[in-house]
Amino acid sequence: MKKFRGIFLKNDREIACLREANRIVAQILDAIEAEVAPDTPTMRFEDIAQDMCRTFGVRPAFQGYRGFPFALCCSLNEEVVHGFPSAARFLREGDIVSFDMGVIYEGFFGDSARTVGVGSITEEAARLLRITRECLMRGVAAARPGNTMNDISVAVQSHAEANGFSVIRRFVGHGIGRNLHEKPEVPNFVPDFGASLPLKTGMILAIEPMLAQGMYEVDILADNWTAVTRDRKLAAHFEHSVAIDSDGPVILSLPS
C-alpha cells in the first residue's frame, strides 16, 4: 500500500474490497428507505440494518465505535447526524429522516448516507434534499486527479450557498479504508488556512455534505451524540464513498 502525505493510496484488490463493503451498505440503505412511512418506529430501521448485516456476514461499522450504541445513525428533521433509533419514536407525515450506515467487510469499511422524506413533505424540505444531493454529486465530480481538495469544497459550498442553504462546519468527510476515518479530512467548505491537498489516484474519500435551512452552528444533545441545528431548522445529509481513479471518480456506494 502506497502512502502520500500520510494518506493510504489503495490498490485494485483493496478497492475491490471497499467496493463490496459499500455495495452492501447501499443495499441496506435501499431496504431501509423502502420501509420509510408515517407511524414507523425508528427502531425498525435499526432492526433491518442488524438483520442484513447478519445476512451478509458483515459487522456494523458504527456500533461500538467510540461508544456509539447502534448500527445505524437515524436523524430526524433538525438532527444533522448521529441520531439514535428508538422504539418510542415514530415517523410522522412531513418529517425528513437521515440514515447513515457503515459495515466492515473483510477488514474494509463501507460508509454511505441519505436523507428521505416521510410521506408528503413541504416544497422547501424537498428542495433542501434535492440541493444537498446535488452538492454531493458536484463534490464527487470534482474528486479527480489534477484537482485539489479545495475543488471538492468549492463545488459543495458554492452550490449550497447559491441556493440559500448553509454548510455544516462541525462535521466533514474523510478518507476511508481499513479504518472508518482515515486521512484526509474532506471539508464541505473552503478552510481559512493551509494549502489545498492535491488529489491522487488511489485515494478513497467519503464525501458527505450536510446542509441546513438556517445557521450552520450545531448543538450536541444530552446523549452526547445527536447533533442538531442550533436554530432547530431542518438539516439534510448525503454521503458516498468514492475512489479516485485515473479516469475520474468512481462511486463505490451504489447497490450494484
C-alpha atoms as a PDB file:
ATOM      1  CA  MET A   1       0.000   0.000   0.000  1.00  0.00           C
ATOM      2  CA  LYS A   2       1.455   3.341  -1.055  1.00  0.00           C
ATOM      3  CA  LYS A   3       1.241   6.491   1.036  1.00  0.00           C
ATOM      4  CA  PHE A   4       1.070  10.152   0.069  1.00  0.00           C
ATOM      5  CA  ARG A   5       1.358  12.731   2.837  1.00  0.00           C
ATOM      6  CA  GLY A   6       0.239  10.149   5.364  1.00  0.00           C
ATOM      7  CA  ILE A   7      -2.723   9.061   3.199  1.00  0.00           C
ATOM      8  CA  PHE A   8      -3.044   5.403   2.227  1.00  0.00           C
ATOM      9  CA  LEU A   9      -3.454   5.003  -1.545  1.00  0.00           C
ATOM     10  CA  LYS A  10      -5.393   1.829  -2.266  1.00  0.00           C
ATOM     11  CA  ASN A  11      -4.549  -0.777  -4.891  1.00  0.00           C
ATOM     12  CA  ASP A  12      -7.013  -2.654  -7.087  1.00  0.00           C
ATOM     13  CA  ARG A  13      -7.537  -5.506  -4.587  1.00  0.00           C
ATOM     14  CA  GLU A  14      -8.213  -3.107  -1.749  1.00  0.00           C
ATOM     15  CA  ILE A  15     -10.600  -1.066  -3.867  1.00  0.00           C
ATOM     16  CA  ALA A  16     -12.473  -4.253  -4.785  1.00  0.00           C
ATOM     17  CA  CYS A  17     -12.997  -4.996  -1.071  1.00  0.00           C
ATOM     18  CA  LEU A  18     -14.098  -1.412  -0.451  1.00  0.00           C
ATOM     19  CA  ARG A  19     -16.496  -1.653  -3.376  1.00  0.00           C
ATOM     20  CA  GLU A  20     -18.110  -4.763  -1.896  1.00  0.00           C
ATOM     21  CA  ALA A  21     -18.353  -3.207   1.578  1.00  0.00           C
ATOM     22  CA  ASN A  22     -20.041  -0.154   0.125  1.00  0.00           C
ATOM     23  CA  ARG A  23     -22.317  -2.193  -2.146  1.00  0.00           C
ATOM     24  CA  ILE A  24     -23.616  -3.934   0.967  1.00  0.00           C
ATOM     25  CA  VAL A  25     -24.181  -0.587   2.678  1.00  0.00           C
ATOM     26  CA  ALA A  26     -26.145   0.639  -0.342  1.00  0.00           C
ATOM     27  CA  GLN A  27     -28.376  -2.449  -0.289  1.00  0.00           C
ATOM     28  CA  ILE A  28     -29.054  -1.967   3.414  1.00  0.00           C
ATOM     29  CA  LEU A  29     -29.952   1.690   2.854  1.00  0.00           C
ATOM     30  CA  ASP A  30     -32.229   0.724  -0.046  1.00  0.00           C
ATOM     31  CA  ALA A  31     -34.066  -1.749   2.209  1.00  0.00           C
ATOM     32  CA  ILE A  32     -34.379   0.839   4.978  1.00  0.00           C
ATOM     33  CA  GLU A  33     -35.640   3.533   2.600  1.00  0.00           C
ATOM     34  CA  ALA A  34     -38.313   1.149   1.286  1.00  0.00           C
ATOM     35  CA  GLU A  35     -39.745   0.903   4.818  1.00  0.00           C
ATOM     36  CA  VAL A  36     -39.999   4.653   5.422  1.00  0.00           C
ATOM     37  CA  ALA A  37     -43.637   5.554   6.134  1.00  0.00           C
ATOM     38  CA  PRO A  38     -45.625   7.501   8.705  1.00  0.00           C
ATOM     39  CA  ASP A  39     -46.103   5.735  12.062  1.00  0.00           C
ATOM     40  CA  THR A  40     -42.999   3.562  11.660  1.00  0.00           C
ATOM     41  CA  PRO A  41     -40.863   3.369  14.831  1.00  0.00           C
ATOM     42  CA  THR A  42     -37.304   4.380  14.057  1.00  0.00           C
ATOM     43  CA  MET A  43     -36.011   1.244  15.795  1.00  0.00           C
ATOM     44  CA  ARG A  44     -37.482  -0.678  12.856  1.00  0.00           C
ATOM     45  CA  PHE A  45     -34.636   0.665  10.711  1.00  0.00           C
ATOM     46  CA  GLU A  46     -32.014  -0.440  13.231  1.00  0.00           C
ATOM     47  CA  ASP A  47     -33.552  -3.930  13.165  1.00  0.00           C
ATOM     48  CA  ILE A  48     -33.301  -4.005   9.362  1.00  0.00           C
ATOM     49  CA  ALA A  49     -29.658  -2.899   9.500  1.00  0.00           C
ATOM     50  CA  GLN A  50     -28.759  -5.527  12.095  1.00  0.00           C
ATOM     51  CA  ASP A  51     -30.617  -8.310  10.271  1.00  0.00           C
ATOM     52  CA  MET A  52     -28.990  -7.510   6.944  1.00  0.00           C
ATOM     53  CA  CYS A  53     -25.518  -7.331   8.478  1.00  0.00           C
ATOM     54  CA  ARG A  54     -26.066 -10.878   9.744  1.00  0.00           C
ATOM     55  CA  THR A  55     -27.356 -11.971   6.335  1.00  0.00           C
ATOM     56  CA  PHE A  56     -24.323 -10.538   4.548  1.00  0.00           C
ATOM     57  CA  GLY A  57     -21.907 -11.779   7.202  1.00  0.00           C
ATOM     58  CA  VAL A  58     -20.525  -8.306   7.937  1.00  0.00           C
ATOM     59  CA  ARG A  59     -20.144  -6.274  11.120  1.00  0.00           C
ATOM     60  CA  PRO A  60     -21.822  -2.909  11.699  1.00  0.00           C
ATOM     61  CA  ALA A  61     -19.082  -0.287  11.478  1.00  0.00           C
ATOM     62  CA  PHE A  62     -20.599   2.259  13.844  1.00  0.00           C
ATOM     63  CA  GLN A  63     -21.775   0.073  16.713  1.00  0.00           C
ATOM     64  CA  GLY A  64     -19.192   0.354  19.493  1.00  0.00           C
ATOM     65  CA  TYR A  65     -17.169   2.964  17.601  1.00  0.00           C
ATOM     66  CA  ARG A  66     -16.165   5.430  20.321  1.00  0.00           C
ATOM     67  CA  GLY A  67     -19.094   4.045  22.267  1.00  0.00           C
ATOM     68  CA  PHE A  68     -21.852   4.600  19.693  1.00  0.00           C
ATOM     69  CA  PRO A  69     -24.597   2.132  20.697  1.00  0.00           C
ATOM     70  CA  PHE A  70     -26.289   1.338  17.356  1.00  0.00           C
ATOM     71  CA  ALA A  71     -25.536   0.021  13.873  1.00  0.00           C
ATOM     72  CA  LEU A  72     -27.460   2.889  12.264  1.00  0.00           C
ATOM     73  CA  CYS A  73     -27.462   6.656  12.698  1.00  0.00           C
ATOM     74  CA  CYS A  74     -31.093   7.767  12.365  1.00  0.00           C
ATOM     75  CA  SER A  75     -31.560  11.543  12.491  1.00  0.00           C
ATOM     76  CA  LEU A  76     -34.908  13.346  12.211  1.00  0.00           C
ATOM     77  CA  ASN A  77     -35.645  16.853  10.940  1.00  0.00           C
ATOM     78  CA  GLU A  78     -33.332  19.277  12.804  1.00  0.00           C
ATOM     79  CA  GLU A  79     -30.979  16.419  13.736  1.00  0.00           C
ATOM     80  CA  VAL A  80     -27.930  16.661  11.492  1.00  0.00           C
ATOM     81  CA  VAL A  81     -26.185  13.361  12.223  1.00  0.00           C
ATOM     82  CA  HIS A  82     -25.562  10.662  14.864  1.00  0.00           C
ATOM     83  CA  GLY A  83     -29.203  10.393  15.946  1.00  0.00           C
ATOM     84  CA  PHE A  84     -30.351   7.313  17.854  1.00  0.00           C
ATOM     85  CA  PRO A  85     -33.077   4.962  16.592  1.00  0.00           C
ATOM     86  CA  SER A  86     -35.787   4.365  19.192  1.00  0.00           C
ATOM     87  CA  ALA A  87     -38.767   2.069  19.696  1.00  0.00           C
ATOM     88  CA  ALA A  88     -40.613   5.035  21.219  1.00  0.00           C
ATOM     89  CA  ARG A  89     -40.053   7.470  18.354  1.00  0.00           C
ATOM     90  CA  PHE A  90     -42.288   7.228  15.294  1.00  0.00           C
ATOM     91  CA  LEU A  91     -42.016   8.864  11.896  1.00  0.00           C
ATOM     92  CA  ARG A  92     -44.677  11.444  11.099  1.00  0.00           C
ATOM     93  CA  GLU A  93     -46.063  12.653   7.797  1.00  0.00           C
ATOM     94  CA  GLY A  94     -43.865  15.502   6.579  1.00  0.00           C
ATOM     95  CA  ASP A  95     -40.720  14.509   8.509  1.00  0.00           C
ATOM     96  CA  ILE A  96     -37.356  14.100   6.850  1.00  0.00           C
ATOM     97  CA  VAL A  97     -35.094  11.370   8.170  1.00  0.00           C
ATOM     98  CA  SER A  98     -31.376  10.852   7.562  1.00  0.00           C
ATOM     99  CA  PHE A  99     -29.809   7.397   7.623  1.00  0.00           C
ATOM    100  CA  ASP A 100     -26.040   6.913   7.920  1.00  0.00           C
ATOM    101  CA  MET A 101     -24.803   3.316   7.712  1.00  0.00           C
ATOM    102  CA  GLY A 102     -21.449   1.572   7.681  1.00  0.00           C
ATOM    103  CA  VAL A 103     -20.191  -2.021   7.598  1.00  0.00           C
ATOM    104  CA  ILE A 104     -16.890  -3.863   7.864  1.00  0.00           C
ATOM    105  CA  TYR A 105     -16.255  -6.418   5.113  1.00  0.00           C
ATOM    106  CA  GLU A 106     -13.012  -8.445   5.202  1.00  0.00           C
ATOM    107  CA  GLY A 107     -11.342  -5.678   7.180  1.00  0.00           C
ATOM    108  CA  PHE A 108     -12.512  -2.826   4.952  1.00  0.00           C
ATOM    109  CA  PHE A 109     -15.139  -0.203   5.713  1.00  0.00           C
ATOM    110  CA  GLY A 110     -18.173   0.944   3.755  1.00  0.00           C
ATOM    111  CA  ASP A 111     -19.951   4.199   4.612  1.00  0.00           C
ATOM    112  CA  SER A 112     -22.885   5.994   2.994  1.00  0.00           C
ATOM    113  CA  ALA A 113     -25.816   8.210   3.975  1.00  0.00           C
ATOM    114  CA  ARG A 114     -29.028   9.604   2.551  1.00  0.00           C
ATOM    115  CA  THR A 115     -31.998  11.704   3.664  1.00  0.00           C
ATOM    116  CA  VAL A 116     -35.564  10.638   2.861  1.00  0.00           C
ATOM    117  CA  GLY A 117     -38.921  12.385   3.046  1.00  0.00           C
ATOM    118  CA  VAL A 118     -41.746  10.757   5.024  1.00  0.00           C
ATOM    119  CA  GLY A 119     -44.955  10.818   3.004  1.00  0.00           C
ATOM    120  CA  SER A 120     -45.739  14.279   1.647  1.00  0.00           C
ATOM    121  CA  ILE A 121     -43.111  16.853   2.652  1.00  0.00           C
ATOM    122  CA  THR A 122     -43.040  20.611   2.154  1.00  0.00           C
ATOM    123  CA  GLU A 123     -41.645  22.124  -1.005  1.00  0.00           C
ATOM    124  CA  GLU A 124     -38.816  23.725   0.965  1.00  0.00           C
ATOM    125  CA  ALA A 125     -37.895  20.430   2.632  1.00  0.00           C
ATOM    126  CA  ALA A 126     -37.882  18.722  -0.771  1.00  0.00           C
ATOM    127  CA  ARG A 127     -35.638  21.477  -2.124  1.00  0.00           C
ATOM    128  CA  LEU A 128     -33.222  21.006   0.798  1.00  0.00           C
ATOM    129  CA  LEU A 129     -32.957  17.296  -0.021  1.00  0.00           C
ATOM    130  CA  ARG A 130     -32.500  17.969  -3.728  1.00  0.00           C
ATOM    131  CA  ILE A 131     -29.804  20.602  -3.276  1.00  0.00           C
ATOM    132  CA  THR A 132     -27.915  18.520  -0.701  1.00  0.00           C
ATOM    133  CA  ARG A 133     -27.910  15.562  -3.098  1.00  0.00           C
ATOM    134  CA  GLU A 134     -26.733  17.847  -5.906  1.00  0.00           C
ATOM    135  CA  CYS A 135     -23.964  19.179  -3.670  1.00  0.00           C
ATOM    136  CA  LEU A 136     -22.803  15.615  -3.091  1.00  0.00           C
ATOM    137  CA  MET A 137     -22.725  14.848  -6.792  1.00  0.00           C
ATOM    138  CA  ARG A 138     -20.875  18.087  -7.566  1.00  0.00           C
ATOM    139  CA  GLY A 139     -18.335  17.202  -4.899  1.00  0.00           C
ATOM    140  CA  VAL A 140     -17.966  13.717  -6.362  1.00  0.00           C
ATOM    141  CA  ALA A 141     -17.443  15.138  -9.864  1.00  0.00           C
ATOM    142  CA  ALA A 142     -14.570  17.277  -8.545  1.00  0.00           C
ATOM    143  CA  ALA A 143     -12.789  14.262  -6.998  1.00  0.00           C
ATOM    144  CA  ARG A 144     -10.322  13.593  -9.799  1.00  0.00           C
ATOM    145  CA  PRO A 145      -6.536  13.572 -10.237  1.00  0.00           C
ATOM    146  CA  GLY A 146      -5.173  17.021 -11.006  1.00  0.00           C
ATOM    147  CA  ASN A 147      -7.725  18.729  -8.779  1.00  0.00           C
ATOM    148  CA  THR A 148      -7.254  19.589  -5.118  1.00  0.00           C
ATOM    149  CA  MET A 149      -9.375  19.098  -2.024  1.00  0.00           C
ATOM    150  CA  ASN A 150     -10.486  22.717  -2.341  1.00  0.00           C
ATOM    151  CA  ASP A 151     -12.143  21.860  -5.660  1.00  0.00           C
ATOM    152  CA  ILE A 152     -14.442  19.459  -3.787  1.00  0.00           C
ATOM    153  CA  SER A 153     -15.072  22.025  -1.048  1.00  0.00           C
ATOM    154  CA  VAL A 154     -15.850  24.821  -3.519  1.00  0.00           C
ATOM    155  CA  ALA A 155     -18.193  22.589  -5.526  1.00  0.00           C
ATOM    156  CA  VAL A 156     -20.241  21.777  -2.421  1.00  0.00           C
ATOM    157  CA  GLN A 157     -20.196  25.145  -0.671  1.00  0.00           C
ATOM    158  CA  SER A 158     -20.871  27.304  -3.706  1.00  0.00           C
ATOM    159  CA  HIS A 159     -23.927  25.298  -4.772  1.00  0.00           C
ATOM    160  CA  ALA A 160     -25.331  25.172  -1.242  1.00  0.00           C
ATOM    161  CA  GLU A 161     -24.961  28.871  -0.573  1.00  0.00           C
ATOM    162  CA  ALA A 162     -26.157  29.898  -4.036  1.00  0.00           C
ATOM    163  CA  ASN A 163     -29.407  28.128  -3.156  1.00  0.00           C
ATOM    164  CA  GLY A 164     -29.761  29.775   0.246  1.00  0.00           C
ATOM    165  CA  PHE A 165     -28.605  26.888   2.449  1.00  0.00           C
ATOM    166  CA  SER A 166     -25.717  26.778   4.902  1.00  0.00           C
ATOM    167  CA  VAL A 167     -22.998  24.122   5.119  1.00  0.00           C
ATOM    168  CA  ILE A 168     -22.484  22.462   8.485  1.00  0.00           C
ATOM    169  CA  ARG A 169     -18.894  23.107   9.631  1.00  0.00           C
ATOM    170  CA  ARG A 170     -18.715  20.835  12.682  1.00  0.00           C
ATOM    171  CA  PHE A 171     -18.564  17.629  10.625  1.00  0.00           C
ATOM    172  CA  VAL A 172     -16.605  16.855   7.467  1.00  0.00           C
ATOM    173  CA  GLY A 173     -15.957  13.946   5.125  1.00  0.00           C
ATOM    174  CA  HIS A 174     -12.927  11.708   5.447  1.00  0.00           C
ATOM    175  CA  GLY A 175     -10.694   9.115   3.936  1.00  0.00           C
ATOM    176  CA  ILE A 176     -11.828   5.529   4.396  1.00  0.00           C
ATOM    177  CA  GLY A 177     -10.235   2.101   4.041  1.00  0.00           C
ATOM    178  CA  ARG A 178      -9.109  -0.295   6.753  1.00  0.00           C
ATOM    179  CA  ASN A 179     -10.279   2.353   9.197  1.00  0.00           C
ATOM    180  CA  LEU A 180     -13.603   4.163   9.231  1.00  0.00           C
ATOM    181  CA  HIS A 181     -11.920   7.548   9.468  1.00  0.00           C
ATOM    182  CA  GLU A 182      -8.587   7.992   7.736  1.00  0.00           C
ATOM    183  CA  LYS A 183      -6.695  10.962   6.381  1.00  0.00           C
ATOM    184  CA  PRO A 184      -7.537  13.247   4.684  1.00  0.00           C
ATOM    185  CA  GLU A 185     -10.430  15.295   6.004  1.00  0.00           C
ATOM    186  CA  VAL A 186     -12.852  16.314   3.243  1.00  0.00           C
ATOM    187  CA  PRO A 187     -14.403  19.684   4.173  1.00  0.00           C
ATOM    188  CA  ASN A 188     -17.673  20.778   2.591  1.00  0.00           C
ATOM    189  CA  PHE A 189     -16.475  24.378   2.855  1.00  0.00           C
ATOM    190  CA  VAL A 190     -13.193  26.070   1.971  1.00  0.00           C
ATOM    191  CA  PRO A 191     -10.984  26.262   5.087  1.00  0.00           C
ATOM    192  CA  ASP A 192      -9.374  29.551   6.018  1.00  0.00           C
ATOM    193  CA  PHE A 193      -5.884  28.123   6.323  1.00  0.00           C
ATOM    194  CA  GLY A 194      -3.317  25.933   4.589  1.00  0.00           C
ATOM    195  CA  ALA A 195      -2.529  24.897   1.032  1.00  0.00           C
ATOM    196  CA  SER A 196      -5.056  22.571  -0.538  1.00  0.00           C
ATOM    197  CA  LEU A 197      -4.180  18.895  -0.820  1.00  0.00           C
ATOM    198  CA  PRO A 198      -3.617  17.518  -4.346  1.00  0.00           C
ATOM    199  CA  LEU A 199      -5.932  14.617  -5.194  1.00  0.00           C
ATOM    200  CA  LYS A 200      -4.226  11.384  -6.234  1.00  0.00           C
ATOM    201  CA  THR A 201      -5.277   8.124  -7.875  1.00  0.00           C
ATOM    202  CA  GLY A 202      -5.943   5.526  -5.186  1.00  0.00           C
ATOM    203  CA  MET A 203      -7.453   7.913  -2.648  1.00  0.00           C
ATOM    204  CA  ILE A 204     -10.791   6.748  -1.248  1.00  0.00           C
ATOM    205  CA  LEU A 205     -12.922   9.583   0.090  1.00  0.00           C
ATOM    206  CA  ALA A 206     -16.206   9.584   1.979  1.00  0.00           C
ATOM    207  CA  ILE A 207     -17.746  12.808   0.666  1.00  0.00           C
ATOM    208  CA  GLU A 208     -20.721  13.851   2.819  1.00  0.00           C
ATOM    209  CA  PRO A 209     -22.345  17.269   2.562  1.00  0.00           C
ATOM    210  CA  MET A 210     -24.618  18.256   5.447  1.00  0.00           C
ATOM    211  CA  LEU A 211     -26.788  21.291   4.714  1.00  0.00           C
ATOM    212  CA  ALA A 212     -29.121  23.313   6.908  1.00  0.00           C
ATOM    213  CA  GLN A 213     -32.034  25.627   6.183  1.00  0.00           C
ATOM    214  CA  GLY A 214     -30.759  28.173   8.690  1.00  0.00           C
ATOM    215  CA  MET A 215     -27.498  28.649  10.565  1.00  0.00           C
ATOM    216  CA  TYR A 216     -24.666  26.143  10.334  1.00  0.00           C
ATOM    217  CA  GLU A 217     -23.932  26.009  14.077  1.00  0.00           C
ATOM    218  CA  VAL A 218     -24.938  22.825  15.890  1.00  0.00           C
ATOM    219  CA  ASP A 219     -25.585  21.669  19.443  1.00  0.00           C
ATOM    220  CA  ILE A 220     -24.942  18.187  20.825  1.00  0.00           C
ATOM    221  CA  LEU A 221     -27.821  16.733  22.829  1.00  0.00           C
ATOM    222  CA  ALA A 222     -27.606  15.138  26.272  1.00  0.00           C
ATOM    223  CA  ASP A 223     -26.944  11.686  24.775  1.00  0.00           C
ATOM    224  CA  ASN A 224     -23.507  13.109  23.787  1.00  0.00           C
ATOM    225  CA  TRP A 225     -24.044  12.022  20.166  1.00  0.00           C
ATOM    226  CA  THR A 226     -27.043  13.571  18.436  1.00  0.00           C
ATOM    227  CA  ALA A 227     -26.114  16.801  16.644  1.00  0.00           C
ATOM    228  CA  VAL A 228     -28.949  19.273  15.999  1.00  0.00           C
ATOM    229  CA  THR A 229     -29.039  22.615  14.247  1.00  0.00           C
ATOM    230  CA  ARG A 230     -28.790  25.378  16.852  1.00  0.00           C
ATOM    231  CA  ASP A 231     -31.835  27.171  15.439  1.00  0.00           C
ATOM    232  CA  ARG A 232     -33.669  23.819  15.131  1.00  0.00           C
ATOM    233  CA  LYS A 233     -34.284  24.246  11.413  1.00  0.00           C
ATOM    234  CA  LEU A 234     -34.132  21.278   9.055  1.00  0.00           C
ATOM    235  CA  ALA A 235     -30.878  19.611   8.005  1.00  0.00           C
ATOM    236  CA  ALA A 236     -30.073  17.011   5.353  1.00  0.00           C
ATOM    237  CA  HIS A 237     -27.140  14.633   4.828  1.00  0.00           C
ATOM    238  CA  PHE A 238     -25.993  12.657   1.780  1.00  0.00           C
ATOM    239  CA  GLU A 239     -22.788  10.628   1.507  1.00  0.00           C
ATOM    240  CA  HIS A 240     -20.961   8.408  -0.964  1.00  0.00           C
ATOM    241  CA  SER A 241     -17.641   6.610  -0.661  1.00  0.00           C
ATOM    242  CA  VAL A 242     -15.674   7.444  -3.795  1.00  0.00           C
ATOM    243  CA  ALA A 243     -12.495   6.045  -5.354  1.00  0.00           C
ATOM    244  CA  ILE A 244     -10.297   8.469  -7.279  1.00  0.00           C
ATOM    245  CA  ASP A 245      -9.347   6.630 -10.465  1.00  0.00           C
ATOM    246  CA  SER A 246      -7.009   7.822 -13.226  1.00  0.00           C
ATOM    247  CA  ASP A 247     -10.126   8.478 -15.331  1.00  0.00           C
ATOM    248  CA  GLY A 248     -12.002  10.297 -12.567  1.00  0.00           C
ATOM    249  CA  PRO A 249     -14.247   9.494  -9.604  1.00  0.00           C
ATOM    250  CA  VAL A 250     -15.864   6.080  -9.116  1.00  0.00           C
ATOM    251  CA  ILE A 251     -18.778   5.883  -6.671  1.00  0.00           C
ATOM    252  CA  LEU A 252     -18.369   2.710  -4.619  1.00  0.00           C
ATOM    253  CA  SER A 253     -21.562   3.010  -2.554  1.00  0.00           C
ATOM    254  CA  LEU A 254     -24.053   2.005  -5.222  1.00  0.00           C
ATOM    255  CA  PRO A 255     -26.220  -1.133  -4.878  1.00  0.00           C
ATOM    256  CA  SER A 256     -24.767  -2.835  -7.969  1.00  0.00           C
END
